Amino acid sequence: MSSDVKVFRIYGYMLIGVSHAPEWRKFVKEIRAAKLSDAIEKLYSELGSKHKVKRSNIKILKVEEIKPEEAQDRYIQELSKLTYMVVD
């Protein structure tokens, strides 16, 4: 749809079960964003929303920009193939 939207692959750890059985779990997440800071913000938002993880309990190890074709997430691949979008 727009060539200025990039795909980022983010590697890191998040602390799950802080109160009863704390455990660091590894994650790899692919996110579409215009710039790196937006991708990191979206990662914090998604992990906090889905897993109830605080931002201080998310450790980012590596962020890399990838081509849309390299994305393993099917949703990201399909969005990258769009040429136009109709919004009512």
N, C-alpha and C. Protein backbone atom coordinates (compact mmCIF):
# COMPACT_ATOMS: atom_id res chain seq x y z
N MET A 1 0.82 -1.18 0.00
CA MET A 1 0.00 0.00 0.00
C MET A 1 0.86 1.24 0.00
N SER A 2 1.78 1.31 0.93
CA SER A 2 2.68 2.46 0.99
C SER A 2 4.09 1.96 1.21
N SER A 3 5.01 2.48 0.43
CA SER A 3 6.38 1.98 0.51
C SER A 3 7.12 2.51 1.73
N ASP A 4 6.57 3.52 2.41
CA ASP A 4 7.26 4.05 3.58
C ASP A 4 6.97 3.25 4.85
N VAL A 5 6.08 2.27 4.79
CA VAL A 5 5.83 1.39 5.92
C VAL A 5 6.81 0.23 5.86
N LYS A 6 7.53 0.01 6.96
CA LYS A 6 8.57 -1.01 7.02
C LYS A 6 8.11 -2.16 7.91
N VAL A 7 8.81 -3.27 7.81
CA VAL A 7 8.53 -4.42 8.67
C VAL A 7 9.75 -4.64 9.55
N PHE A 8 9.52 -4.73 10.86
CA PHE A 8 10.59 -4.95 11.83
C PHE A 8 10.38 -6.29 12.52
N ARG A 9 11.47 -7.01 12.73
CA ARG A 9 11.44 -8.25 13.51
C ARG A 9 12.15 -7.93 14.83
N ILE A 10 11.46 -8.14 15.94
CA ILE A 10 11.97 -7.78 17.26
C ILE A 10 12.16 -9.04 18.09
N TYR A 11 13.36 -9.21 18.63
CA TYR A 11 13.70 -10.35 19.49
C TYR A 11 13.84 -9.84 20.92
N GLY A 12 13.39 -10.64 21.89
CA GLY A 12 13.56 -10.23 23.27
C GLY A 12 13.00 -11.24 24.25
N TYR A 13 12.93 -10.81 25.51
CA TYR A 13 12.40 -11.61 26.61
C TYR A 13 11.34 -10.81 27.34
N MET A 14 10.34 -11.52 27.91
CA MET A 14 9.35 -10.87 28.76
C MET A 14 9.15 -11.72 30.01
N LEU A 15 8.92 -11.04 31.12
CA LEU A 15 8.74 -11.71 32.41
C LEU A 15 7.25 -12.01 32.60
N ILE A 16 6.93 -13.30 32.64
CA ILE A 16 5.54 -13.76 32.80
C ILE A 16 5.35 -14.25 34.23
N GLY A 17 4.20 -14.01 34.81
CA GLY A 17 3.88 -14.51 36.14
C GLY A 17 4.74 -13.92 37.23
N VAL A 18 4.78 -12.61 37.31
CA VAL A 18 5.66 -11.92 38.25
C VAL A 18 5.38 -12.30 39.70
N SER A 19 4.11 -12.41 40.08
CA SER A 19 3.78 -12.62 41.49
C SER A 19 3.90 -14.06 41.96
N HIS A 20 3.49 -15.03 41.15
CA HIS A 20 3.45 -16.41 41.66
C HIS A 20 4.61 -17.28 41.18
N ALA A 21 4.91 -17.31 39.92
CA ALA A 21 6.01 -18.14 39.40
C ALA A 21 6.70 -17.38 38.26
N PRO A 22 7.56 -16.43 38.60
CA PRO A 22 8.18 -15.62 37.54
C PRO A 22 9.04 -16.45 36.58
N GLU A 23 8.87 -16.17 35.30
CA GLU A 23 9.61 -16.91 34.27
C GLU A 23 9.87 -15.98 33.09
N TRP A 24 11.12 -15.92 32.65
CA TRP A 24 11.47 -15.14 31.46
C TRP A 24 11.21 -15.98 30.23
N ARG A 25 10.39 -15.46 29.32
CA ARG A 25 10.06 -16.17 28.08
C ARG A 25 10.58 -15.39 26.88
N LYS A 26 11.14 -16.13 25.94
CA LYS A 26 11.67 -15.52 24.73
C LYS A 26 10.53 -15.24 23.76
N PHE A 27 10.65 -14.15 22.98
CA PHE A 27 9.67 -13.86 21.95
C PHE A 27 10.36 -13.32 20.70
N VAL A 28 9.71 -13.54 19.56
CA VAL A 28 10.09 -12.94 18.28
C VAL A 28 8.79 -12.40 17.70
N LYS A 29 8.75 -11.11 17.46
CA LYS A 29 7.51 -10.47 16.99
C LYS A 29 7.81 -9.64 15.76
N GLU A 30 6.95 -9.74 14.76
CA GLU A 30 7.09 -8.94 13.54
C GLU A 30 6.01 -7.87 13.54
N ILE A 31 6.44 -6.63 13.29
CA ILE A 31 5.54 -5.49 13.39
C ILE A 31 5.75 -4.56 12.20
N ARG A 32 4.66 -4.07 11.64
CA ARG A 32 4.72 -3.07 10.57
C ARG A 32 4.63 -1.69 11.20
N ALA A 33 5.55 -0.80 10.82
CA ALA A 33 5.54 0.56 11.34
C ALA A 33 6.33 1.47 10.41
N ALA A 34 6.10 2.76 10.54
CA ALA A 34 6.79 3.74 9.70
C ALA A 34 8.24 3.93 10.15
N LYS A 35 8.48 3.85 11.46
CA LYS A 35 9.84 4.01 11.96
C LYS A 35 10.06 3.11 13.17
N LEU A 36 11.30 2.97 13.55
CA LEU A 36 11.70 2.04 14.62
C LEU A 36 11.00 2.35 15.94
N SER A 37 10.95 3.61 16.32
CA SER A 37 10.33 3.97 17.61
C SER A 37 8.84 3.60 17.64
N ASP A 38 8.17 3.72 16.50
CA ASP A 38 6.76 3.32 16.43
C ASP A 38 6.61 1.80 16.59
N ALA A 39 7.54 1.05 16.02
CA ALA A 39 7.50 -0.42 16.13
C ALA A 39 7.69 -0.86 17.58
N ILE A 40 8.62 -0.23 18.27
CA ILE A 40 8.87 -0.58 19.68
C ILE A 40 7.67 -0.22 20.54
N GLU A 41 7.08 0.94 20.29
CA GLU A 41 5.88 1.35 21.03
C GLU A 41 4.74 0.35 20.81
N LYS A 42 4.56 -0.08 19.58
CA LYS A 42 3.50 -1.06 19.26
C LYS A 42 3.77 -2.40 19.94
N LEU A 43 5.04 -2.81 20.00
CA LEU A 43 5.40 -4.04 20.69
C LEU A 43 5.02 -3.97 22.16
N TYR A 44 5.40 -2.88 22.84
CA TYR A 44 5.05 -2.71 24.25
C TYR A 44 3.53 -2.74 24.43
N SER A 45 2.81 -2.10 23.55
CA SER A 45 1.36 -2.04 23.63
C SER A 45 0.74 -3.43 23.45
N GLU A 46 1.19 -4.18 22.45
CA GLU A 46 0.62 -5.51 22.19
C GLU A 46 0.93 -6.50 23.29
N LEU A 47 2.20 -6.54 23.74
CA LEU A 47 2.55 -7.50 24.79
C LEU A 47 1.87 -7.15 26.11
N GLY A 48 1.77 -5.86 26.41
CA GLY A 48 1.08 -5.44 27.62
C GLY A 48 -0.40 -5.79 27.57
N SER A 49 -1.00 -5.64 26.41
CA SER A 49 -2.42 -5.91 26.25
C SER A 49 -2.72 -7.41 26.30
N LYS A 50 -1.96 -8.20 25.56
CA LYS A 50 -2.25 -9.63 25.45
C LYS A 50 -1.77 -10.44 26.65
N HIS A 51 -0.63 -10.06 27.23
CA HIS A 51 -0.02 -10.88 28.28
C HIS A 51 0.05 -10.18 29.63
N LYS A 52 -0.47 -8.96 29.71
CA LYS A 52 -0.45 -8.17 30.96
C LYS A 52 0.97 -8.01 31.50
N VAL A 53 1.90 -7.72 30.61
CA VAL A 53 3.30 -7.54 30.98
C VAL A 53 3.60 -6.05 31.04
N LYS A 54 4.24 -5.61 32.11
CA LYS A 54 4.63 -4.20 32.22
C LYS A 54 5.82 -3.93 31.31
N ARG A 55 5.94 -2.69 30.89
CA ARG A 55 7.03 -2.30 30.00
C ARG A 55 8.40 -2.59 30.62
N SER A 56 8.52 -2.42 31.92
CA SER A 56 9.80 -2.67 32.58
C SER A 56 10.17 -4.15 32.59
N ASN A 57 9.19 -5.03 32.33
CA ASN A 57 9.43 -6.47 32.30
C ASN A 57 9.59 -7.01 30.88
N ILE A 58 9.82 -6.12 29.92
CA ILE A 58 10.08 -6.50 28.53
C ILE A 58 11.49 -6.06 28.19
N LYS A 59 12.34 -6.99 27.81
CA LYS A 59 13.73 -6.70 27.45
C LYS A 59 13.92 -6.98 25.96
N ILE A 60 14.25 -5.95 25.20
CA ILE A 60 14.46 -6.09 23.76
C ILE A 60 15.94 -6.36 23.52
N LEU A 61 16.24 -7.46 22.83
CA LEU A 61 17.62 -7.84 22.54
C LEU A 61 18.09 -7.31 21.19
N LYS A 62 17.23 -7.45 20.18
CA LYS A 62 17.64 -7.09 18.82
C LYS A 62 16.43 -6.68 18.01
N VAL A 63 16.62 -5.68 17.17
CA VAL A 63 15.58 -5.24 16.23
C VAL A 63 16.21 -5.18 14.86
N GLU A 64 15.55 -5.81 13.88
CA GLU A 64 16.07 -5.75 12.52
C GLU A 64 14.94 -5.43 11.55
N GLU A 65 15.28 -4.63 10.54
CA GLU A 65 14.32 -4.33 9.49
C GLU A 65 14.42 -5.43 8.45
N ILE A 66 13.28 -5.99 8.06
CA ILE A 66 13.26 -7.09 7.10
C ILE A 66 12.39 -6.70 5.90
N LYS A 67 12.55 -7.43 4.83
CA LYS A 67 11.69 -7.24 3.66
C LYS A 67 10.33 -7.86 3.97
N PRO A 68 9.26 -7.29 3.44
CA PRO A 68 7.92 -7.87 3.70
C PRO A 68 7.81 -9.33 3.28
N GLU A 69 8.54 -9.74 2.24
CA GLU A 69 8.49 -11.14 1.80
C GLU A 69 9.12 -12.09 2.81
N GLU A 70 10.03 -11.59 3.64
CA GLU A 70 10.70 -12.42 4.65
C GLU A 70 9.85 -12.63 5.89
N ALA A 71 8.78 -11.88 6.04
CA ALA A 71 7.95 -11.98 7.24
C ALA A 71 7.30 -13.36 7.33
N GLN A 72 7.30 -13.92 8.51
CA GLN A 72 6.68 -15.22 8.73
C GLN A 72 5.21 -15.07 9.10
N ASP A 73 4.83 -13.91 9.58
CA ASP A 73 3.45 -13.63 9.95
C ASP A 73 2.63 -13.40 8.67
N ARG A 74 1.65 -14.23 8.47
CA ARG A 74 0.85 -14.18 7.24
C ARG A 74 0.07 -12.87 7.11
N TYR A 75 -0.39 -12.35 8.22
CA TYR A 75 -1.13 -11.08 8.22
C TYR A 75 -0.26 -9.95 7.68
N ILE A 76 0.98 -9.91 8.09
CA ILE A 76 1.91 -8.87 7.62
C ILE A 76 2.20 -9.05 6.14
N GLN A 77 2.36 -10.27 5.69
CA GLN A 77 2.59 -10.53 4.27
C GLN A 77 1.41 -10.04 3.43
N GLU A 78 0.20 -10.33 3.87
CA GLU A 78 -0.99 -9.92 3.12
C GLU A 78 -1.14 -8.40 3.10
N LEU A 79 -0.89 -7.75 4.22
CA LEU A 79 -0.97 -6.29 4.25
C LEU A 79 0.06 -5.64 3.33
N SER A 80 1.22 -6.24 3.23
CA SER A 80 2.28 -5.69 2.40
C SER A 80 1.96 -5.81 0.91
N LYS A 81 1.11 -6.75 0.55
CA LYS A 81 0.76 -6.96 -0.86
C LYS A 81 -0.33 -6.01 -1.35
N LEU A 82 -1.00 -5.32 -0.43
CA LEU A 82 -2.09 -4.43 -0.82
C LEU A 82 -1.58 -3.28 -1.69
N THR A 83 -2.35 -2.94 -2.70
CA THR A 83 -1.99 -1.80 -3.54
C THR A 83 -2.85 -0.59 -3.22
N TYR A 84 -4.07 -0.83 -2.71
CA TYR A 84 -4.93 0.26 -2.28
C TYR A 84 -5.92 -0.26 -1.26
N MET A 85 -6.54 0.67 -0.52
CA MET A 85 -7.50 0.30 0.51
C MET A 85 -8.67 1.28 0.45
N VAL A 86 -9.87 0.76 0.53
CA VAL A 86 -11.07 1.60 0.52
C VAL A 86 -11.57 1.70 1.96
N VAL A 87 -11.72 2.93 2.44
CA VAL A 87 -12.20 3.16 3.80
C VAL A 87 -13.47 4.00 3.70
N ASP A 88 -14.54 3.53 4.34
CA ASP A 88 -15.81 4.29 4.33
C ASP A 88 -15.87 5.25 5.48
